[in-house]
C-alpha atoms as a PDB file:
ATOM      1  CA  MET A   1     141.114  72.576 102.307  1.00  0.00           C
ATOM      2  CA  THR A   2     144.861  71.865 103.081  1.00  0.00           C
ATOM      3  CA  ARG A   3     147.968  74.068 103.330  1.00  0.00           C
ATOM      4  CA  ASN A   4     150.380  73.764 100.593  1.00  0.00           C
ATOM      5  CA  ASP A   5     153.175  76.338 100.410  1.00  0.00           C
ATOM      6  CA  ARG A   6     155.150  76.412  97.485  1.00  0.00           C
ATOM      7  CA  LYS A   7     157.750  78.664  99.223  1.00  0.00           C
ATOM      8  CA  ALA A   8     158.264  79.964 102.435  1.00  0.00           C
ATOM      9  CA  ARG A   9     157.065  82.379 104.465  1.00  0.00           C
ATOM     10  CA  VAL A  10     158.178  86.018 102.988  1.00  0.00           C
ATOM     11  CA  ASP A  11     158.887  88.103 106.429  1.00  0.00           C
ATOM     12  CA  VAL A  12     159.406  92.044 106.066  1.00  0.00           C
ATOM     13  CA  GLU A  13     158.239  92.229 102.243  1.00  0.00           C
ATOM     14  CA  GLU A  14     155.674  94.290 100.894  1.00  0.00           C
ATOM     15  CA  ARG A  15     154.168  93.696  97.552  1.00  0.00           C
ATOM     16  CA  GLY A  16     154.802  96.760  95.891  1.00  0.00           C
ATOM     17  CA  GLY A  17     158.603  96.202  96.609  1.00  0.00           C
ATOM     18  CA  ARG A  18     159.224  98.460  99.725  1.00  0.00           C
ATOM     19  CA  ARG A  19     160.609  96.905 102.819  1.00  0.00           C
ATOM     20  CA  SER A  20     159.530  97.756 106.275  1.00  0.00           C
ATOM     21  CA  ALA A  21     160.304  96.546 109.416  1.00  0.00           C
ATOM     22  CA  HIS A  22     156.934  96.312 110.760  1.00  0.00           C
ATOM     23  CA  LEU A  23     155.307  94.385 107.963  1.00  0.00           C
ATOM     24  CA  ILE A  24     154.939  90.734 107.444  1.00  0.00           C
ATOM     25  CA  LEU A  25     153.294  88.548 104.837  1.00  0.00           C
ATOM     26  CA  ASP A  26     151.990  85.132 104.574  1.00  0.00           C
ATOM     27  CA  ARG A  27     151.046  83.548 101.423  1.00  0.00           C
ATOM     28  CA  PRO A  28     149.554  80.343 102.260  1.00  0.00           C
ATOM     29  CA  ARG A  29     148.504  78.050  99.555  1.00  0.00           C
ATOM     30  CA  VAL A  30     145.262  76.498  99.839  1.00  0.00           C
ATOM     31  CA  VAL A  31     144.191  73.565  97.800  1.00  0.00           C
ATOM     32  CA  LEU A  32     140.381  72.777  97.768  1.00  0.00           C
ATOM     33  CA  GLU A  33     138.891  69.772  95.902  1.00  0.00           C
ATOM     34  CA  CYS A  34     135.420  69.642  95.144  1.00  0.00           C
ATOM     35  CA  THR A  35     133.813  66.203  94.096  1.00  0.00           C
ATOM     36  CA  ASP A  36     129.658  65.682  93.387  1.00  0.00           C
ATOM     37  CA  ASP A  37     128.690  61.659  92.999  1.00  0.00           C
ATOM     38  CA  ALA A  38     125.892  63.197  90.939  1.00  0.00           C
ATOM     39  CA  GLY A  39     128.197  64.902  88.338  1.00  0.00           C
ATOM     40  CA  GLY A  40     127.884  68.440  89.611  1.00  0.00           C
ATOM     41  CA  ALA A  41     131.744  68.915  90.372  1.00  0.00           C
ATOM     42  CA  ALA A  42     132.315  71.411  87.849  1.00  0.00           C
ATOM     43  CA  THR A  43     129.641  73.625  88.968  1.00  0.00           C
ATOM     44  CA  LEU A  44     130.435  73.328  92.880  1.00  0.00           C
ATOM     45  CA  ALA A  45     134.286  74.473  91.660  1.00  0.00           C
ATOM     46  CA  ALA A  46     133.006  76.970  90.197  1.00  0.00           C
ATOM     47  CA  LEU A  47     130.829  78.457  93.232  1.00  0.00           C
ATOM     48  CA  VAL A  48     133.434  77.986  95.407  1.00  0.00           C
ATOM     49  CA  ARG A  49     135.993  79.803  93.264  1.00  0.00           C
ATOM     50  CA  SER A  50     133.723  82.524  93.108  1.00  0.00           C
ATOM     51  CA  ILE A  51     133.290  82.793  96.892  1.00  0.00           C
ATOM     52  CA  LEU A  52     137.020  82.596  97.290  1.00  0.00           C
ATOM     53  CA  SER A  53     137.539  85.125  94.744  1.00  0.00           C
ATOM     54  CA  ALA A  54     135.012  87.860  96.464  1.00  0.00           C
ATOM     55  CA  ALA A  55     136.091  86.919  99.732  1.00  0.00           C
ATOM     56  CA  ALA A  56     139.411  89.462  99.870  1.00  0.00           C
ATOM     57  CA  PRO A  57     139.481  92.358 101.052  1.00  0.00           C
ATOM     58  CA  GLY A  58     137.990  91.066 104.058  1.00  0.00           C
ATOM     59  CA  TYR A  59     138.527  87.995 106.752  1.00  0.00           C
ATOM     60  CA  LEU A  60     138.731  84.697 106.515  1.00  0.00           C
ATOM     61  CA  GLY A  61     137.979  83.402 109.665  1.00  0.00           C
ATOM     62  CA  THR A  62     139.845  85.438 111.583  1.00  0.00           C
ATOM     63  CA  VAL A  63     142.335  86.497 109.560  1.00  0.00           C
ATOM     64  CA  TRP A  64     142.437  89.559 107.272  1.00  0.00           C
ATOM     65  CA  CYS A  65     143.536  88.608 103.585  1.00  0.00           C
ATOM     66  CA  ASP A  66     144.370  91.481 101.248  1.00  0.00           C
ATOM     67  CA  GLN A  67     144.293  89.260  98.483  1.00  0.00           C
ATOM     68  CA  VAL A  68     143.034  86.278  96.635  1.00  0.00           C
ATOM     69  CA  GLU A  69     145.569  85.104  93.716  1.00  0.00           C
ATOM     70  CA  ASP A  70     143.706  82.623  92.100  1.00  0.00           C
ATOM     71  CA  ALA A  71     146.443  79.796  90.214  1.00  0.00           C
ATOM     72  CA  GLY A  72     143.588  77.759  88.740  1.00  0.00           C
ATOM     73  CA  MET A  73     140.898  75.042  88.329  1.00  0.00           C
ATOM     74  CA  GLU A  74     141.683  71.324  87.264  1.00  0.00           C
ATOM     75  CA  ASN A  75     139.406  68.514  86.296  1.00  0.00           C
ATOM     76  CA  ASP A  76     141.014  66.019  88.162  1.00  0.00           C
ATOM     77  CA  SER A  77     138.735  63.044  88.369  1.00  0.00           C
ATOM     78  CA  ASP A  78     139.820  60.288  90.609  1.00  0.00           C
ATOM     79  CA  PRO A  79     141.889  57.538  89.089  1.00  0.00           C
ATOM     80  CA  ALA A  80     140.958  54.759  90.782  1.00  0.00           C
ATOM     81  CA  THR A  81     137.307  55.101  90.748  1.00  0.00           C
ATOM     82  CA  ALA A  82     136.717  57.876  88.117  1.00  0.00           C
ATOM     83  CA  ALA A  83     134.676  59.853  90.074  1.00  0.00           C
ATOM     84  CA  PRO A  84     134.333  63.233  89.114  1.00  0.00           C
ATOM     85  CA  ARG A  85     137.124  66.109  91.014  1.00  0.00           C
ATOM     86  CA  TYR A  86     137.864  69.226  90.470  1.00  0.00           C
ATOM     87  CA  THR A  87     140.678  70.988  92.191  1.00  0.00           C
ATOM     88  CA  LEU A  88     141.163  74.443  93.079  1.00  0.00           C
ATOM     89  CA  VAL A  89     144.493  76.031  93.675  1.00  0.00           C
ATOM     90  CA  ALA A  90     144.787  79.650  95.530  1.00  0.00           C
ATOM     91  CA  ASP A  91     147.464  81.657  97.054  1.00  0.00           C
ATOM     92  CA  LEU A  92     146.180  84.226  99.866  1.00  0.00           C
ATOM     93  CA  ILE A  93     147.628  87.486 100.876  1.00  0.00           C
ATOM     94  CA  VAL A  94     147.428  88.164 104.664  1.00  0.00           C
ATOM     95  CA  ARG A  95     148.696  90.204 107.104  1.00  0.00           C
ATOM     96  CA  GLY A  96     151.050  88.185 109.889  1.00  0.00           C
ATOM     97  CA  THR A  97     152.170  89.708 113.151  1.00  0.00           C
ATOM     98  CA  VAL A  98     156.145  90.123 114.635  1.00  0.00           C
ATOM     99  CA  LEU A  99     156.912  87.233 117.009  1.00  0.00           C
ATOM    100  CA  ALA A 100     159.626  88.678 119.284  1.00  0.00           C
END
């Protein structure tokens, strides 16, 4: 899994559009690649997608995640080897802390 931000961190912004001096949201974009040489890449990707979607609201490791925005799943077979591969993309809506 890698973090792949499509836009810079959003500071002092609440998803409802209201502003607050004590609220910082971060939207890390994660890209997950699922492969399986036995042909189960699509099944594995669907399982990972379900687990990720069900994880919020809750802790992902040590970070509280308010919401997971599923950006999609794509059949992305390796062009060099034709190995089956599915790519999942999701944005995690997490709360940060103010750094003074």
